C-alpha atoms as a PDB file:
ATOM      1  CA  SER A   1     113.973  82.555  32.511  1.00  0.00           C
ATOM      2  CA  LYS A   2     110.651  80.778  32.866  1.00  0.00           C
ATOM      3  CA  LYS A   3     110.614  77.052  32.048  1.00  0.00           C
ATOM      4  CA  THR A   4     107.859  74.515  31.697  1.00  0.00           C
ATOM      5  CA  LYS A   5     110.190  71.576  31.189  1.00  0.00           C
ATOM      6  CA  ILE A   6     113.852  70.817  31.752  1.00  0.00           C
ATOM      7  CA  LYS A   7     115.936  67.816  30.664  1.00  0.00           C
ATOM      8  CA  VAL A   8     119.029  66.854  32.631  1.00  0.00           C
ATOM      9  CA  TYR A   9     121.779  64.345  31.844  1.00  0.00           C
ATOM     10  CA  TRP A  10     123.995  62.803  34.521  1.00  0.00           C
ATOM     11  CA  ASN A  11     127.234  60.982  33.723  1.00  0.00           C
ATOM     12  CA  ALA A  12     127.512  58.616  36.657  1.00  0.00           C
ATOM     13  CA  PRO A  13     130.987  58.104  38.135  1.00  0.00           C
ATOM     14  CA  SER A  14     132.371  54.552  38.116  1.00  0.00           C
ATOM     15  CA  ASN A  15     131.650  54.153  41.845  1.00  0.00           C
ATOM     16  CA  ALA A  16     128.006  55.337  41.635  1.00  0.00           C
ATOM     17  CA  PRO A  17     125.346  53.207  43.375  1.00  0.00           C
ATOM     18  CA  ASN A  18     123.160  50.964  41.190  1.00  0.00           C
ATOM     19  CA  HIS A  19     120.045  52.988  41.992  1.00  0.00           C
ATOM     20  CA  VAL A  20     119.827  56.758  42.418  1.00  0.00           C
ATOM     21  CA  LYS A  21     116.994  59.158  43.308  1.00  0.00           C
ATOM     22  CA  PHE A  22     117.545  62.844  42.577  1.00  0.00           C
ATOM     23  CA  LEU A  23     115.914  65.562  44.663  1.00  0.00           C
ATOM     24  CA  VAL A  24     115.085  68.825  42.943  1.00  0.00           C
ATOM     25  CA  THR A  25     114.386  72.399  43.964  1.00  0.00           C
ATOM     26  CA  VAL A  26     111.934  74.568  42.019  1.00  0.00           C
ATOM     27  CA  VAL A  27     111.773  78.331  42.399  1.00  0.00           C
ATOM     28  CA  GLU A  28     108.718  80.244  41.221  1.00  0.00           C
ATOM     29  CA  LYS A  29     109.610  83.584  42.838  1.00  0.00           C
ATOM     30  CA  TYR A  30     112.085  84.707  45.467  1.00  0.00           C
ATOM     31  CA  LYS A  31     109.737  83.705  48.341  1.00  0.00           C
ATOM     32  CA  ILE A  32     107.879  80.891  46.547  1.00  0.00           C
ATOM     33  CA  TYR A  33     109.861  77.681  46.133  1.00  0.00           C
ATOM     34  CA  TRP A  34     109.770  73.951  46.754  1.00  0.00           C
ATOM     35  CA  VAL A  35     112.730  71.864  47.926  1.00  0.00           C
ATOM     36  CA  LYS A  36     113.616  68.153  47.972  1.00  0.00           C
ATOM     37  CA  ILE A  37     110.984  67.124  45.420  1.00  0.00           C
ATOM     38  CA  PRO A  38     111.833  63.427  44.837  1.00  0.00           C
ATOM     39  CA  GLY A  39     112.223  62.163  41.314  1.00  0.00           C
ATOM     40  CA  PRO A  40     111.903  58.569  40.173  1.00  0.00           C
ATOM     41  CA  VAL A  41     114.506  55.925  41.064  1.00  0.00           C
ATOM     42  CA  ILE A  42     117.043  55.734  38.226  1.00  0.00           C
ATOM     43  CA  SER A  43     118.865  52.440  37.734  1.00  0.00           C
ATOM     44  CA  GLN A  44     122.298  51.869  36.268  1.00  0.00           C
ATOM     45  CA  PRO A  45     122.460  49.620  33.149  1.00  0.00           C
ATOM     46  CA  ASN A  46     122.537  45.925  34.051  1.00  0.00           C
ATOM     47  CA  ALA A  47     121.505  46.622  37.679  1.00  0.00           C
ATOM     48  CA  LEU A  48     119.055  44.269  39.348  1.00  0.00           C
ATOM     49  CA  PRO A  49     115.538  45.752  39.655  1.00  0.00           C
ATOM     50  CA  PHE A  50     115.017  48.180  42.515  1.00  0.00           C
ATOM     51  CA  THR A  51     112.758  46.873  45.252  1.00  0.00           C
ATOM     52  CA  THR A  52     111.504  48.521  48.425  1.00  0.00           C
ATOM     53  CA  PRO A  53     111.418  46.593  51.725  1.00  0.00           C
ATOM     54  CA  GLU A  54     108.064  45.216  52.844  1.00  0.00           C
ATOM     55  CA  ALA A  55     106.280  47.319  55.478  1.00  0.00           C
ATOM     56  CA  THR A  56     105.965  45.778  58.917  1.00  0.00           C
ATOM     57  CA  VAL A  57     102.564  46.063  60.524  1.00  0.00           C
ATOM     58  CA  ALA A  58     102.534  46.053  64.335  1.00  0.00           C
ATOM     59  CA  PRO A  59      99.422  44.678  66.113  1.00  0.00           C
ATOM     60  CA  LEU A  60      97.157  47.297  67.624  1.00  0.00           C
ATOM     61  CA  SER A  61      97.213  47.608  71.390  1.00  0.00           C
ATOM     62  CA  THR A  62      94.082  46.632  73.339  1.00  0.00           C
ATOM     63  CA  LEU A  63      94.839  49.173  76.070  1.00  0.00           C
ATOM     64  CA  PRO A  64      92.684  52.307  76.259  1.00  0.00           C
ATOM     65  CA  PRO A  65      94.288  55.499  74.882  1.00  0.00           C
ATOM     66  CA  VAL A  66      96.266  57.650  77.263  1.00  0.00           C
ATOM     67  CA  SER A  67      95.998  61.417  77.393  1.00  0.00           C
ATOM     68  CA  HIS A  68      98.840  63.669  78.559  1.00  0.00           C
ATOM     69  CA  LEU A  69      98.588  67.366  79.375  1.00  0.00           C
END
């Protein structure tokens, strides 16, 4: 049946990681659907805060662009 909201509960196993991200699939009709929609990062109780690694920025090349056919 049609839904506008859904609430899900997950009982984590004892060996679950400290931080988890669920991916969801939504179906509107048989041929209209979305897959691997990322949810927020969920943290286990007493886990250290989740951090993402810093992005590394490479210097731009001074060479002219190259075209390939």
